[in-house]
N, C-alpha and C. Protein backbone atom coordinates (compact mmCIF):
# COMPACT_ATOMS: atom_id res chain seq x y z
N MET A 1 -217.00 28.59 49.82
CA MET A 1 -218.33 29.04 49.52
C MET A 1 -218.46 29.15 48.01
N ASN A 2 -219.55 28.71 47.49
CA ASN A 2 -219.82 28.78 46.06
C ASN A 2 -220.26 30.20 45.72
N LEU A 3 -219.47 30.91 44.93
CA LEU A 3 -219.77 32.32 44.64
C LEU A 3 -221.00 32.49 43.77
N HIS A 4 -221.33 31.49 42.97
CA HIS A 4 -222.46 31.61 42.05
C HIS A 4 -223.79 31.48 42.78
N SER A 5 -223.89 30.61 43.74
CA SER A 5 -225.18 30.40 44.43
C SER A 5 -225.25 31.15 45.75
N GLY A 6 -224.10 31.58 46.28
CA GLY A 6 -224.10 32.27 47.57
C GLY A 6 -224.23 31.34 48.75
N GLN A 7 -224.11 30.03 48.53
CA GLN A 7 -224.23 29.06 49.60
C GLN A 7 -222.95 28.25 49.71
N ALA A 8 -222.67 27.77 50.91
CA ALA A 8 -221.51 26.91 51.12
C ALA A 8 -221.83 25.52 50.58
N PRO A 9 -220.82 24.78 50.12
CA PRO A 9 -221.06 23.40 49.67
C PRO A 9 -221.66 22.58 50.81
N ALA A 10 -222.49 21.62 50.48
CA ALA A 10 -223.21 20.83 51.49
C ALA A 10 -222.27 20.14 52.46
N HIS A 11 -221.14 19.57 51.95
CA HIS A 11 -220.24 18.84 52.85
C HIS A 11 -219.59 19.79 53.86
N THR A 12 -219.31 21.03 53.49
CA THR A 12 -218.72 21.99 54.42
C THR A 12 -219.73 22.36 55.50
N THR A 13 -220.97 22.58 55.10
CA THR A 13 -222.01 22.93 56.06
C THR A 13 -222.22 21.79 57.05
N ARG A 14 -222.22 20.56 56.55
CA ARG A 14 -222.40 19.40 57.42
C ARG A 14 -221.24 19.28 58.41
N GLU A 15 -220.03 19.49 57.93
CA GLU A 15 -218.84 19.42 58.80
C GLU A 15 -218.88 20.53 59.84
N ASP A 16 -219.24 21.73 59.43
CA ASP A 16 -219.34 22.84 60.37
C ASP A 16 -220.39 22.56 61.44
N PHE A 17 -221.51 22.00 61.01
CA PHE A 17 -222.58 21.69 61.95
C PHE A 17 -222.15 20.60 62.92
N SER A 18 -221.48 19.57 62.40
CA SER A 18 -220.98 18.49 63.26
C SER A 18 -219.98 19.03 64.29
N GLU A 19 -219.13 19.93 63.84
CA GLU A 19 -218.15 20.52 64.75
C GLU A 19 -218.85 21.37 65.82
N TYR A 20 -219.88 22.10 65.40
CA TYR A 20 -220.65 22.92 66.34
C TYR A 20 -221.34 22.03 67.38
N VAL A 21 -221.94 20.94 66.94
CA VAL A 21 -222.64 20.03 67.85
C VAL A 21 -221.65 19.41 68.83
N ALA A 22 -220.49 19.00 68.34
CA ALA A 22 -219.47 18.42 69.22
C ALA A 22 -219.02 19.43 70.27
N HIS A 23 -218.82 20.68 69.85
CA HIS A 23 -218.42 21.73 70.77
C HIS A 23 -219.52 21.98 71.81
N LEU A 24 -220.76 22.00 71.36
CA LEU A 24 -221.89 22.22 72.27
C LEU A 24 -222.01 21.08 73.28
N GLN A 25 -221.83 19.85 72.82
CA GLN A 25 -221.90 18.70 73.73
C GLN A 25 -220.80 18.76 74.78
N LEU A 26 -219.60 19.15 74.37
CA LEU A 26 -218.50 19.28 75.32
C LEU A 26 -218.81 20.36 76.35
N HIS A 27 -219.31 21.50 75.86
CA HIS A 27 -219.65 22.60 76.75
C HIS A 27 -220.72 22.17 77.76
N MET A 28 -221.74 21.47 77.29
CA MET A 28 -222.82 21.02 78.17
C MET A 28 -222.31 20.01 79.20
N ALA A 29 -221.42 19.13 78.77
CA ALA A 29 -220.86 18.13 79.70
C ALA A 29 -220.05 18.82 80.78
N LEU A 30 -219.26 19.82 80.40
CA LEU A 30 -218.46 20.55 81.39
C LEU A 30 -219.36 21.34 82.34
N GLN A 31 -220.42 21.94 81.81
CA GLN A 31 -221.37 22.67 82.65
C GLN A 31 -222.03 21.73 83.65
N ALA A 32 -222.48 20.58 83.17
CA ALA A 32 -223.15 19.61 84.04
C ALA A 32 -222.20 19.14 85.14
N ARG A 33 -220.96 18.97 84.78
CA ARG A 33 -219.96 18.53 85.77
C ARG A 33 -219.81 19.56 86.89
N ASN A 34 -219.91 20.84 86.54
CA ASN A 34 -219.78 21.89 87.54
C ASN A 34 -221.07 22.10 88.34
N LEU A 35 -222.20 21.75 87.76
CA LEU A 35 -223.48 22.03 88.41
C LEU A 35 -223.98 20.90 89.29
N VAL A 36 -223.65 19.67 88.94
CA VAL A 36 -224.17 18.53 89.67
C VAL A 36 -223.19 18.14 90.77
N PRO A 37 -223.64 18.17 92.02
CA PRO A 37 -222.73 17.80 93.11
C PRO A 37 -222.44 16.30 93.08
N THR A 38 -221.30 15.93 93.61
CA THR A 38 -221.00 14.50 93.72
C THR A 38 -221.94 13.89 94.75
N LEU A 39 -222.02 12.58 94.78
CA LEU A 39 -222.95 11.92 95.69
C LEU A 39 -222.63 12.23 97.15
N THR A 40 -221.36 12.30 97.49
CA THR A 40 -221.02 12.59 98.88
C THR A 40 -221.39 14.03 99.22
N ASP A 41 -221.20 14.97 98.27
CA ASP A 41 -221.61 16.36 98.50
C ASP A 41 -223.13 16.46 98.62
N ALA A 42 -223.84 15.67 97.83
CA ALA A 42 -225.31 15.71 97.86
C ALA A 42 -225.81 15.27 99.24
N GLU A 43 -225.18 14.25 99.78
CA GLU A 43 -225.57 13.79 101.12
C GLU A 43 -225.36 14.90 102.14
N GLY A 44 -224.19 15.54 102.08
CA GLY A 44 -223.88 16.60 103.04
C GLY A 44 -224.80 17.79 102.88
N SER A 45 -225.09 18.19 101.65
CA SER A 45 -225.94 19.36 101.44
C SER A 45 -227.38 19.05 101.84
N ARG A 46 -227.83 17.82 101.62
CA ARG A 46 -229.19 17.43 102.03
C ARG A 46 -229.31 17.47 103.55
N GLU A 47 -228.27 16.97 104.20
CA GLU A 47 -228.25 16.98 105.67
C GLU A 47 -228.20 18.41 106.20
N GLN A 48 -227.39 19.24 105.56
CA GLN A 48 -227.27 20.64 105.95
C GLN A 48 -228.61 21.36 105.78
N LEU A 49 -229.29 21.10 104.66
CA LEU A 49 -230.60 21.71 104.42
C LEU A 49 -231.60 21.29 105.48
N LEU A 50 -231.56 20.02 105.86
CA LEU A 50 -232.46 19.52 106.90
C LEU A 50 -232.21 20.25 108.22
N HIS A 51 -230.94 20.40 108.61
CA HIS A 51 -230.61 21.09 109.86
C HIS A 51 -231.04 22.57 109.80
N GLN A 52 -230.81 23.22 108.65
CA GLN A 52 -231.22 24.62 108.52
C GLN A 52 -232.74 24.77 108.63
N THR A 53 -233.46 23.84 108.00
CA THR A 53 -234.92 23.89 108.05
C THR A 53 -235.42 23.67 109.47
N GLN A 54 -234.84 22.70 110.15
CA GLN A 54 -235.24 22.44 111.54
C GLN A 54 -234.96 23.65 112.41
N ALA A 55 -233.80 24.28 112.24
CA ALA A 55 -233.45 25.45 113.04
C ALA A 55 -234.42 26.59 112.77
N THR A 56 -234.77 26.81 111.52
CA THR A 56 -235.70 27.88 111.17
C THR A 56 -237.07 27.64 111.78
N ILE A 57 -237.55 26.42 111.71
CA ILE A 57 -238.86 26.09 112.29
C ILE A 57 -238.84 26.27 113.80
N GLU A 58 -237.76 25.82 114.44
CA GLU A 58 -237.66 25.97 115.89
C GLU A 58 -237.65 27.44 116.29
N LYS A 59 -236.98 28.31 115.51
CA LYS A 59 -236.98 29.74 115.80
C LYS A 59 -238.39 30.32 115.67
N LEU A 60 -239.06 29.94 114.59
CA LEU A 60 -240.42 30.46 114.38
C LEU A 60 -241.37 30.03 115.49
N VAL A 61 -241.27 28.76 115.89
CA VAL A 61 -242.14 28.24 116.95
C VAL A 61 -241.82 28.93 118.28
N SER A 62 -240.56 29.13 118.58
CA SER A 62 -240.19 29.74 119.86
C SER A 62 -240.65 31.21 119.91
N ARG A 63 -240.63 31.88 118.78
CA ARG A 63 -241.08 33.28 118.72
C ARG A 63 -242.60 33.38 118.87
N GLN A 64 -243.32 32.39 118.35
CA GLN A 64 -244.77 32.40 118.47
C GLN A 64 -245.21 32.13 119.90
N SER A 65 -244.45 31.33 120.62
CA SER A 65 -244.79 30.97 121.98
C SER A 65 -244.58 32.14 122.93
N SER A 66 -243.68 33.05 122.61
CA SER A 66 -243.34 34.14 123.52
C SER A 66 -244.44 35.16 123.61
């Protein structure tokens, strides 16, 4: 840090920023990997959601008929 101006030299700031961006990109990539299901999981969860929805609708309809 330059003691006279109170600011860090431009090349240090740029390097720090580049390092921060690289760290952020890595973090985001790891987060996305944990959040996005694989294609086979997506198929299974979509099918599971469909079955749950059908079961819920059938329960509601059967209760209304009674």
